[in-house]
Amino acid sequence: MKTKTRKHAKKWSAKVTNTSNAMDLEKDIFKSKDPDKIAASLKHSAEASHRRKASPFQSAMSMLNFYENRAGHNLSKRQRAPLEKAKNKLRRLFGKEEK
């Protein structure tokens, strides 16, 4: 059995990002500094998608977490802050309890 190399893992996340069949996202939405805009865009994309397998809330939150996890240590605190705030905004938009 072959072990996956780090290079292969990077290709895996790029492939998922480029070929994901879950939702069509607004271009560069995760680069926005406005948590309200990020949350609203994710909500719209999740609700409009007919290909998702989970609820709109789960799909939107998963996409946000996927981006944040894949960007990892390359995100500065300044870039990560609006993404973290967008999570609570997303919860609020879907009527879920904030954390």
PDB file of N, CA and C in Angstrom:
ATOM      1  N   MET A   1       0.833  -1.178   0.000  1.00  0.00           N
ATOM      2  CA  MET A   1       0.000   0.000   0.000  1.00  0.00           C
ATOM      3  C   MET A   1       0.879   1.243   0.000  1.00  0.00           C
ATOM      4  N   LYS A   2       0.552   2.171  -0.877  1.00  0.00           N
ATOM      5  CA  LYS A   2       1.331   3.402  -0.959  1.00  0.00           C
ATOM      6  C   LYS A   2       0.822   4.403   0.057  1.00  0.00           C
ATOM      7  N   THR A   3       1.733   5.167   0.605  1.00  0.00           N
ATOM      8  CA  THR A   3       1.322   6.238   1.508  1.00  0.00           C
ATOM      9  C   THR A   3       1.193   7.521   0.710  1.00  0.00           C
ATOM     10  N   LYS A   4       0.266   8.339   1.112  1.00  0.00           N
ATOM     11  CA  LYS A   4       0.050   9.608   0.422  1.00  0.00           C
ATOM     12  C   LYS A   4       1.121  10.605   0.839  1.00  0.00           C
ATOM     13  N   THR A   5       1.636  11.290  -0.124  1.00  0.00           N
ATOM     14  CA  THR A   5       2.616  12.314   0.184  1.00  0.00           C
ATOM     15  C   THR A   5       1.912  13.635   0.434  1.00  0.00           C
ATOM     16  N   ARG A   6       2.623  14.549   1.000  1.00  0.00           N
ATOM     17  CA  ARG A   6       2.062  15.869   1.278  1.00  0.00           C
ATOM     18  C   ARG A   6       1.648  16.556  -0.032  1.00  0.00           C
ATOM     19  N   LYS A   7       2.417  16.343  -1.072  1.00  0.00           N
ATOM     20  CA  LYS A   7       2.109  16.936  -2.365  1.00  0.00           C
ATOM     21  C   LYS A   7       0.766  16.410  -2.874  1.00  0.00           C
ATOM     22  N   HIS A   8       0.525  15.121  -2.685  1.00  0.00           N
ATOM     23  CA  HIS A   8      -0.738  14.512  -3.110  1.00  0.00           C
ATOM     24  C   HIS A   8      -1.908  15.110  -2.331  1.00  0.00           C
ATOM     25  N   ALA A   9      -1.714  15.368  -1.050  1.00  0.00           N
ATOM     26  CA  ALA A   9      -2.779  15.928  -0.222  1.00  0.00           C
ATOM     27  C   ALA A   9      -3.163  17.321  -0.718  1.00  0.00           C
ATOM     28  N   LYS A  10      -2.192  18.108  -1.138  1.00  0.00           N
ATOM     29  CA  LYS A  10      -2.487  19.439  -1.657  1.00  0.00           C
ATOM     30  C   LYS A  10      -3.303  19.341  -2.935  1.00  0.00           C
ATOM     31  N   LYS A  11      -2.971  18.383  -3.777  1.00  0.00           N
ATOM     32  CA  LYS A  11      -3.729  18.193  -5.004  1.00  0.00           C
ATOM     33  C   LYS A  11      -5.159  17.785  -4.691  1.00  0.00           C
ATOM     34  N   TRP A  12      -5.342  16.986  -3.640  1.00  0.00           N
ATOM     35  CA  TRP A  12      -6.683  16.545  -3.264  1.00  0.00           C
ATOM     36  C   TRP A  12      -7.575  17.725  -2.925  1.00  0.00           C
ATOM     37  N   SER A  13      -7.098  18.655  -2.106  1.00  0.00           N
ATOM     38  CA  SER A  13      -7.936  19.786  -1.718  1.00  0.00           C
ATOM     39  C   SER A  13      -8.186  20.717  -2.897  1.00  0.00           C
ATOM     40  N   ALA A  14      -7.201  20.867  -3.773  1.00  0.00           N
ATOM     41  CA  ALA A  14      -7.402  21.701  -4.960  1.00  0.00           C
ATOM     42  C   ALA A  14      -8.454  21.074  -5.863  1.00  0.00           C
ATOM     43  N   LYS A  15      -8.404  19.752  -5.985  1.00  0.00           N
ATOM     44  CA  LYS A  15      -9.391  19.053  -6.821  1.00  0.00           C
ATOM     45  C   LYS A  15     -10.788  19.233  -6.245  1.00  0.00           C
ATOM     46  N   VAL A  16     -10.941  19.089  -4.934  1.00  0.00           N
ATOM     47  CA  VAL A  16     -12.245  19.267  -4.294  1.00  0.00           C
ATOM     48  C   VAL A  16     -12.743  20.689  -4.511  1.00  0.00           C
ATOM     49  N   THR A  17     -11.863  21.649  -4.343  1.00  0.00           N
ATOM     50  CA  THR A  17     -12.244  23.047  -4.519  1.00  0.00           C
ATOM     51  C   THR A  17     -12.705  23.322  -5.948  1.00  0.00           C
ATOM     52  N   ASN A  18     -11.986  22.778  -6.907  1.00  0.00           N
ATOM     53  CA  ASN A  18     -12.284  23.060  -8.313  1.00  0.00           C
ATOM     54  C   ASN A  18     -13.432  22.240  -8.887  1.00  0.00           C
ATOM     55  N   THR A  19     -13.663  21.054  -8.348  1.00  0.00           N
ATOM     56  CA  THR A  19     -14.660  20.169  -8.954  1.00  0.00           C
ATOM     57  C   THR A  19     -15.811  19.824  -8.021  1.00  0.00           C
ATOM     58  N   SER A  20     -15.900  20.506  -6.892  1.00  0.00           N
ATOM     59  CA  SER A  20     -16.961  20.210  -5.940  1.00  0.00           C
ATOM     60  C   SER A  20     -18.327  20.315  -6.605  1.00  0.00           C
ATOM     61  N   ASN A  21     -19.153  19.337  -6.334  1.00  0.00           N
ATOM     62  CA  ASN A  21     -20.489  19.297  -6.906  1.00  0.00           C
ATOM     63  C   ASN A  21     -21.513  19.756  -5.873  1.00  0.00           C
ATOM     64  N   ALA A  22     -21.056  20.361  -4.802  1.00  0.00           N
ATOM     65  CA  ALA A  22     -21.955  20.713  -3.709  1.00  0.00           C
ATOM     66  C   ALA A  22     -22.676  22.036  -3.940  1.00  0.00           C
ATOM     67  N   MET A  23     -21.937  23.077  -4.228  1.00  0.00           N
ATOM     68  CA  MET A  23     -22.548  24.397  -4.360  1.00  0.00           C
ATOM     69  C   MET A  23     -21.732  25.246  -5.329  1.00  0.00           C
ATOM     70  N   ASP A  24     -22.409  26.163  -5.979  1.00  0.00           N
ATOM     71  CA  ASP A  24     -21.726  27.164  -6.799  1.00  0.00           C
ATOM     72  C   ASP A  24     -21.583  28.413  -5.945  1.00  0.00           C
ATOM     73  N   LEU A  25     -20.345  28.782  -5.663  1.00  0.00           N
ATOM     74  CA  LEU A  25     -20.085  29.922  -4.784  1.00  0.00           C
ATOM     75  C   LEU A  25     -19.773  31.176  -5.582  1.00  0.00           C
ATOM     76  N   GLU A  26     -20.082  32.307  -4.991  1.00  0.00           N
ATOM     77  CA  GLU A  26     -19.713  33.598  -5.565  1.00  0.00           C
ATOM     78  C   GLU A  26     -18.188  33.671  -5.627  1.00  0.00           C
ATOM     79  N   LYS A  27     -17.665  34.145  -6.732  1.00  0.00           N
ATOM     80  CA  LYS A  27     -16.215  34.218  -6.922  1.00  0.00           C
ATOM     81  C   LYS A  27     -15.572  35.070  -5.823  1.00  0.00           C
ATOM     82  N   ASP A  28     -14.511  34.557  -5.251  1.00  0.00           N
ATOM     83  CA  ASP A  28     -13.699  35.235  -4.230  1.00  0.00           C
ATOM     84  C   ASP A  28     -14.485  35.658  -2.986  1.00  0.00           C
ATOM     85  N   ILE A  29     -15.573  34.980  -2.690  1.00  0.00           N
ATOM     86  CA  ILE A  29     -16.392  35.367  -1.535  1.00  0.00           C
ATOM     87  C   ILE A  29     -15.612  35.264  -0.228  1.00  0.00           C
ATOM     88  N   PHE A  30     -14.717  34.301  -0.127  1.00  0.00           N
ATOM     89  CA  PHE A  30     -13.980  34.123   1.125  1.00  0.00           C
ATOM     90  C   PHE A  30     -12.902  35.183   1.322  1.00  0.00           C
ATOM     91  N   LYS A  31     -12.627  35.956   0.309  1.00  0.00           N
ATOM     92  CA  LYS A  31     -11.656  37.041   0.437  1.00  0.00           C
ATOM     93  C   LYS A  31     -12.306  38.325   0.939  1.00  0.00           C
ATOM     94  N   SER A  32     -13.616  38.325   1.025  1.00  0.00           N
ATOM     95  CA  SER A  32     -14.335  39.504   1.506  1.00  0.00           C
ATOM     96  C   SER A  32     -14.002  39.759   2.977  1.00  0.00           C
ATOM     97  N   LYS A  33     -13.993  41.023   3.353  1.00  0.00           N
ATOM     98  CA  LYS A  33     -13.744  41.390   4.749  1.00  0.00           C
ATOM     99  C   LYS A  33     -15.050  41.612   5.503  1.00  0.00           C
ATOM    100  N   ASP A  34     -16.179  41.427   4.813  1.00  0.00           N
ATOM    101  CA  ASP A  34     -17.493  41.676   5.395  1.00  0.00           C
ATOM    102  C   ASP A  34     -18.174  40.349   5.764  1.00  0.00           C
ATOM    103  N   PRO A  35     -18.242  40.021   7.076  1.00  0.00           N
ATOM    104  CA  PRO A  35     -18.854  38.753   7.499  1.00  0.00           C
ATOM    105  C   PRO A  35     -20.316  38.620   7.067  1.00  0.00           C
ATOM    106  N   ASP A  36     -21.044  39.757   7.028  1.00  0.00           N
ATOM    107  CA  ASP A  36     -22.441  39.721   6.591  1.00  0.00           C
ATOM    108  C   ASP A  36     -22.549  39.282   5.137  1.00  0.00           C
ATOM    109  N   LYS A  37     -21.668  39.806   4.309  1.00  0.00           N
ATOM    110  CA  LYS A  37     -21.669  39.462   2.881  1.00  0.00           C
ATOM    111  C   LYS A  37     -21.312  37.987   2.685  1.00  0.00           C
ATOM    112  N   ILE A  38     -20.314  37.503   3.417  1.00  0.00           N
ATOM    113  CA  ILE A  38     -19.897  36.104   3.312  1.00  0.00           C
ATOM    114  C   ILE A  38     -21.058  35.191   3.699  1.00  0.00           C
ATOM    115  N   ALA A  39     -21.672  35.472   4.840  1.00  0.00           N
ATOM    116  CA  ALA A  39     -22.769  34.637   5.333  1.00  0.00           C
ATOM    117  C   ALA A  39     -23.962  34.663   4.385  1.00  0.00           C
ATOM    118  N   ALA A  40     -24.332  35.839   3.902  1.00  0.00           N
ATOM    119  CA  ALA A  40     -25.479  35.964   3.000  1.00  0.00           C
ATOM    120  C   ALA A  40     -25.227  35.226   1.688  1.00  0.00           C
ATOM    121  N   SER A  41     -24.008  35.322   1.177  1.00  0.00           N
ATOM    122  CA  SER A  41     -23.666  34.650  -0.069  1.00  0.00           C
ATOM    123  C   SER A  41     -23.699  33.130   0.090  1.00  0.00           C
ATOM    124  N   LEU A  42     -23.145  32.641   1.195  1.00  0.00           N
ATOM    125  CA  LEU A  42     -23.156  31.198   1.454  1.00  0.00           C
ATOM    126  C   LEU A  42     -24.586  30.687   1.625  1.00  0.00           C
ATOM    127  N   LYS A  43     -25.402  31.445   2.323  1.00  0.00           N
ATOM    128  CA  LYS A  43     -26.808  31.056   2.519  1.00  0.00           C
ATOM    129  C   LYS A  43     -27.520  30.975   1.175  1.00  0.00           C
ATOM    130  N   HIS A  44     -27.340  31.993   0.355  1.00  0.00           N
ATOM    131  CA  HIS A  44     -27.977  32.014  -0.962  1.00  0.00           C
ATOM    132  C   HIS A  44     -27.516  30.820  -1.807  1.00  0.00           C
ATOM    133  N   SER A  45     -26.204  30.564  -1.838  1.00  0.00           N
ATOM    134  CA  SER A  45     -25.658  29.463  -2.629  1.00  0.00           C
ATOM    135  C   SER A  45     -26.183  28.116  -2.151  1.00  0.00           C
ATOM    136  N   ALA A  46     -26.243  27.942  -0.832  1.00  0.00           N
ATOM    137  CA  ALA A  46     -26.695  26.669  -0.273  1.00  0.00           C
ATOM    138  C   ALA A  46     -28.176  26.431  -0.563  1.00  0.00           C
ATOM    139  N   GLU A  47     -28.975  27.474  -0.447  1.00  0.00           N
ATOM    140  CA  GLU A  47     -30.412  27.320  -0.691  1.00  0.00           C
ATOM    141  C   GLU A  47     -30.725  27.150  -2.177  1.00  0.00           C
ATOM    142  N   ALA A  48     -29.904  27.724  -3.041  1.00  0.00           N
ATOM    143  CA  ALA A  48     -30.140  27.632  -4.480  1.00  0.00           C
ATOM    144  C   ALA A  48     -29.658  26.310  -5.071  1.00  0.00           C
ATOM    145  N   SER A  49     -28.747  25.641  -4.367  1.00  0.00           N
ATOM    146  CA  SER A  49     -28.168  24.405  -4.888  1.00  0.00           C
ATOM    147  C   SER A  49     -29.153  23.236  -4.789  1.00  0.00           C
ATOM    148  N   HIS A  50     -29.256  22.504  -5.876  1.00  0.00           N
ATOM    149  CA  HIS A  50     -30.087  21.297  -5.882  1.00  0.00           C
ATOM    150  C   HIS A  50     -29.222  20.048  -5.833  1.00  0.00           C
ATOM    151  N   ARG A  51     -27.911  20.243  -5.740  1.00  0.00           N
ATOM    152  CA  ARG A  51     -26.987  19.113  -5.740  1.00  0.00           C
ATOM    153  C   ARG A  51     -26.457  18.775  -4.356  1.00  0.00           C
ATOM    154  N   ARG A  52     -26.757  19.576  -3.376  1.00  0.00           N
ATOM    155  CA  ARG A  52     -26.208  19.333  -2.042  1.00  0.00           C
ATOM    156  C   ARG A  52     -26.850  18.090  -1.426  1.00  0.00           C
ATOM    157  N   LYS A  53     -26.117  17.470  -0.524  1.00  0.00           N
ATOM    158  CA  LYS A  53     -26.604  16.252   0.121  1.00  0.00           C
ATOM    159  C   LYS A  53     -27.119  16.516   1.527  1.00  0.00           C
ATOM    160  N   ALA A  54     -26.745  17.637   2.104  1.00  0.00           N
ATOM    161  CA  ALA A  54     -27.141  17.969   3.475  1.00  0.00           C
ATOM    162  C   ALA A  54     -28.098  19.162   3.445  1.00  0.00           C
ATOM    163  N   SER A  55     -28.496  19.611   4.631  1.00  0.00           N
ATOM    164  CA  SER A  55     -29.369  20.785   4.720  1.00  0.00           C
ATOM    165  C   SER A  55     -28.600  22.015   4.226  1.00  0.00           C
ATOM    166  N   PRO A  56     -29.314  23.076   3.841  1.00  0.00           N
ATOM    167  CA  PRO A  56     -28.616  24.287   3.406  1.00  0.00           C
ATOM    168  C   PRO A  56     -27.648  24.825   4.470  1.00  0.00           C
ATOM    169  N   PHE A  57     -28.068  24.803   5.740  1.00  0.00           N
ATOM    170  CA  PHE A  57     -27.190  25.284   6.809  1.00  0.00           C
ATOM    171  C   PHE A  57     -25.916  24.447   6.884  1.00  0.00           C
ATOM    172  N   GLN A  58     -26.064  23.127   6.877  1.00  0.00           N
ATOM    173  CA  GLN A  58     -24.897  22.248   6.971  1.00  0.00           C
ATOM    174  C   GLN A  58     -23.971  22.435   5.773  1.00  0.00           C
ATOM    175  N   SER A  59     -24.539  22.582   4.598  1.00  0.00           N
ATOM    176  CA  SER A  59     -23.723  22.769   3.398  1.00  0.00           C
ATOM    177  C   SER A  59     -22.950  24.080   3.448  1.00  0.00           C
ATOM    178  N   ALA A  60     -23.622  25.144   3.849  1.00  0.00           N
ATOM    179  CA  ALA A  60     -22.974  26.454   3.920  1.00  0.00           C
ATOM    180  C   ALA A  60     -21.856  26.454   4.970  1.00  0.00           C
ATOM    181  N   MET A  61     -22.142  25.912   6.142  1.00  0.00           N
ATOM    182  CA  MET A  61     -21.139  25.883   7.206  1.00  0.00           C
ATOM    183  C   MET A  61     -19.974  24.974   6.819  1.00  0.00           C
ATOM    184  N   SER A  62     -20.256  23.866   6.171  1.00  0.00           N
ATOM    185  CA  SER A  62     -19.194  22.955   5.734  1.00  0.00           C
ATOM    186  C   SER A  62     -18.268  23.628   4.732  1.00  0.00           C
ATOM    187  N   MET A  63     -18.843  24.384   3.818  1.00  0.00           N
ATOM    188  CA  MET A  63     -18.021  25.066   2.824  1.00  0.00           C
ATOM    189  C   MET A  63     -17.132  26.116   3.487  1.00  0.00           C
ATOM    190  N   LEU A  64     -17.670  26.830   4.448  1.00  0.00           N
ATOM    191  CA  LEU A  64     -16.889  27.827   5.176  1.00  0.00           C
ATOM    192  C   LEU A  64     -15.765  27.154   5.975  1.00  0.00           C
ATOM    193  N   ASN A  65     -16.079  26.082   6.669  1.00  0.00           N
ATOM    194  CA  ASN A  65     -15.056  25.351   7.426  1.00  0.00           C
ATOM    195  C   ASN A  65     -14.013  24.737   6.511  1.00  0.00           C
ATOM    196  N   PHE A  66     -14.447  24.207   5.364  1.00  0.00           N
ATOM    197  CA  PHE A  66     -13.509  23.612   4.413  1.00  0.00           C
ATOM    198  C   PHE A  66     -12.496  24.662   3.960  1.00  0.00           C
ATOM    199  N   TYR A  67     -12.989  25.842   3.586  1.00  0.00           N
ATOM    200  CA  TYR A  67     -12.082  26.890   3.135  1.00  0.00           C
ATOM    201  C   TYR A  67     -11.107  27.281   4.244  1.00  0.00           C
ATOM    202  N   GLU A  68     -11.628  27.475   5.425  1.00  0.00           N
ATOM    203  CA  GLU A  68     -10.780  27.906   6.540  1.00  0.00           C
ATOM    204  C   GLU A  68      -9.730  26.838   6.883  1.00  0.00           C
ATOM    205  N   ASN A  69     -10.126  25.585   6.872  1.00  0.00           N
ATOM    206  CA  ASN A  69      -9.190  24.506   7.187  1.00  0.00           C
ATOM    207  C   ASN A  69      -8.137  24.320   6.099  1.00  0.00           C
ATOM    208  N   ARG A  70      -8.542  24.449   4.852  1.00  0.00           N
ATOM    209  CA  ARG A  70      -7.595  24.267   3.755  1.00  0.00           C
ATOM    210  C   ARG A  70      -6.600  25.424   3.695  1.00  0.00           C
ATOM    211  N   ALA A  71      -7.050  26.631   3.994  1.00  0.00           N
ATOM    212  CA  ALA A  71      -6.144  27.782   3.979  1.00  0.00           C
ATOM    213  C   ALA A  71      -5.191  27.708   5.161  1.00  0.00           C
ATOM    214  N   GLY A  72      -5.678  27.152   6.269  1.00  0.00           N
ATOM    215  CA  GLY A  72      -4.864  26.873   7.443  1.00  0.00           C
ATOM    216  C   GLY A  72      -3.973  27.996   7.912  1.00  0.00           C
ATOM    217  N   HIS A  73      -2.700  27.677   8.087  1.00  0.00           N
ATOM    218  CA  HIS A  73      -1.765  28.646   8.647  1.00  0.00           C
ATOM    219  C   HIS A  73      -1.439  29.781   7.673  1.00  0.00           C
ATOM    220  N   ASN A  74      -1.894  29.683   6.440  1.00  0.00           N
ATOM    221  CA  ASN A  74      -1.661  30.761   5.473  1.00  0.00           C
ATOM    222  C   ASN A  74      -2.603  31.943   5.686  1.00  0.00           C
ATOM    223  N   LEU A  75      -3.627  31.764   6.508  1.00  0.00           N
ATOM    224  CA  LEU A  75      -4.544  32.856   6.822  1.00  0.00           C
ATOM    225  C   LEU A  75      -3.986  33.665   7.985  1.00  0.00           C
ATOM    226  N   SER A  76      -3.922  34.954   7.800  1.00  0.00           N
ATOM    227  CA  SER A  76      -3.498  35.813   8.909  1.00  0.00           C
ATOM    228  C   SER A  76      -4.690  35.998   9.855  1.00  0.00           C
ATOM    229  N   LYS A  77      -4.437  36.546  11.043  1.00  0.00           N
ATOM    230  CA  LYS A  77      -5.530  36.815  11.982  1.00  0.00           C
ATOM    231  C   LYS A  77      -6.530  37.776  11.357  1.00  0.00           C
ATOM    232  N   ARG A  78      -6.029  38.697  10.576  1.00  0.00           N
ATOM    233  CA  ARG A  78      -6.887  39.686   9.915  1.00  0.00           C
ATOM    234  C   ARG A  78      -7.800  39.033   8.874  1.00  0.00           C
ATOM    235  N   GLN A  79      -7.293  38.010   8.191  1.00  0.00           N
ATOM    236  CA  GLN A  79      -8.099  37.301   7.191  1.00  0.00           C
ATOM    237  C   GLN A  79      -9.070  36.317   7.851  1.00  0.00           C
ATOM    238  N   ARG A  80      -8.651  35.737   8.964  1.00  0.00           N
ATOM    239  CA  ARG A  80      -9.467  34.733   9.638  1.00  0.00           C
ATOM    240  C   ARG A  80     -10.645  35.361  10.404  1.00  0.00           C
ATOM    241  N   ALA A  81     -10.475  36.567  10.906  1.00  0.00           N
ATOM    242  CA  ALA A  81     -11.503  37.217  11.735  1.00  0.00           C
ATOM    243  C   ALA A  81     -12.863  37.311  11.043  1.00  0.00           C
ATOM    244  N   PRO A  82     -12.950  37.799   9.789  1.00  0.00           N
ATOM    245  CA  PRO A  82     -14.271  37.875   9.164  1.00  0.00           C
ATOM    246  C   PRO A  82     -14.886  36.493   8.915  1.00  0.00           C
ATOM    247  N   LEU A  83     -14.050  35.491   8.695  1.00  0.00           N
ATOM    248  CA  LEU A  83     -14.565  34.135   8.481  1.00  0.00           C
ATOM    249  C   LEU A  83     -15.179  33.585   9.764  1.00  0.00           C
ATOM    250  N   GLU A  84     -14.517  33.841  10.883  1.00  0.00           N
ATOM    251  CA  GLU A  84     -15.055  33.397  12.172  1.00  0.00           C
ATOM    252  C   GLU A  84     -16.367  34.121  12.492  1.00  0.00           C
ATOM    253  N   LYS A  85     -16.407  35.420  12.220  1.00  0.00           N
ATOM    254  CA  LYS A  85     -17.636  36.179  12.463  1.00  0.00           C
ATOM    255  C   LYS A  85     -18.752  35.715  11.529  1.00  0.00           C
ATOM    256  N   ALA A  86     -18.384  35.328  10.314  1.00  0.00           N
ATOM    257  CA  ALA A  86     -19.374  34.862   9.340  1.00  0.00           C
ATOM    258  C   ALA A  86     -20.077  33.593   9.825  1.00  0.00           C
ATOM    259  N   LYS A  87     -19.385  32.785  10.617  1.00  0.00           N
ATOM    260  CA  LYS A  87     -20.013  31.567  11.147  1.00  0.00           C
ATOM    261  C   LYS A  87     -21.213  31.920  12.024  1.00  0.00           C
ATOM    262  N   ASN A  88     -21.043  32.878  12.917  1.00  0.00           N
ATOM    263  CA  ASN A  88     -22.167  33.289  13.764  1.00  0.00           C
ATOM    264  C   ASN A  88     -23.252  33.989  12.960  1.00  0.00           C
ATOM    265  N   LYS A  89     -22.850  34.782  11.975  1.00  0.00           N
ATOM    266  CA  LYS A  89     -23.835  35.434  11.106  1.00  0.00           C
ATOM    267  C   LYS A  89     -24.644  34.380  10.357  1.00  0.00           C
ATOM    268  N   LEU A  90     -23.979  33.341   9.904  1.00  0.00           N
ATOM    269  CA  LEU A  90     -24.641  32.252   9.187  1.00  0.00           C
ATOM    270  C   LEU A  90     -25.622  31.522  10.105  1.00  0.00           C
ATOM    271  N   ARG A  91     -25.185  31.261  11.329  1.00  0.00           N
ATOM    272  CA  ARG A  91     -26.082  30.623  12.302  1.00  0.00           C
ATOM    273  C   ARG A  91     -27.329  31.477  12.515  1.00  0.00           C
ATOM    274  N   ARG A  92     -27.123  32.775  12.659  1.00  0.00           N
ATOM    275  CA  ARG A  92     -28.238  33.698  12.878  1.00  0.00           C
ATOM    276  C   ARG A  92     -29.192  33.710  11.674  1.00  0.00           C
ATOM    277  N   LEU A  93     -28.631  33.736  10.462  1.00  0.00           N
ATOM    278  CA  LEU A  93     -29.464  33.752   9.253  1.00  0.00           C
ATOM    279  C   LEU A  93     -30.337  32.501   9.132  1.00  0.00           C
ATOM    280  N   PHE A  94     -29.833  31.387   9.638  1.00  0.00           N
ATOM    281  CA  PHE A  94     -30.578  30.130   9.575  1.00  0.00           C
ATOM    282  C   PHE A  94     -31.383  29.861  10.848  1.00  0.00           C
ATOM    283  N   GLY A  95     -31.389  30.825  11.769  1.00  0.00           N
ATOM    284  CA  GLY A  95     -32.164  30.673  12.990  1.00  0.00           C
ATOM    285  C   GLY A  95     -31.573  29.660  13.962  1.00  0.00           C
ATOM    286  N   LYS A  96     -30.289  29.489  13.929  1.00  0.00           N
ATOM    287  CA  LYS A  96     -29.591  28.560  14.831  1.00  0.00           C
ATOM    288  C   LYS A  96     -28.986  29.343  15.989  1.00  0.00           C
ATOM    289  N   GLU A  97     -28.679  28.623  17.061  1.00  0.00           N
ATOM    290  CA  GLU A  97     -28.071  29.231  18.233  1.00  0.00           C
ATOM    291  C   GLU A  97     -26.611  29.578  17.949  1.00  0.00           C
ATOM    292  N   GLU A  98     -26.207  30.788  18.332  1.00  0.00           N
ATOM    293  CA  GLU A  98     -24.820  31.209  18.139  1.00  0.00           C
ATOM    294  C   GLU A  98     -23.926  30.565  19.172  1.00  0.00           C
ATOM    295  N   LYS A  99     -22.655  30.444  18.812  1.00  0.00           N
ATOM    296  CA  LYS A  99     -21.672  29.883  19.740  1.00  0.00           C
ATOM    297  C   LYS A  99     -20.749  30.963  20.217  1.00  0.00           C
TER     298      LYS A  99
END
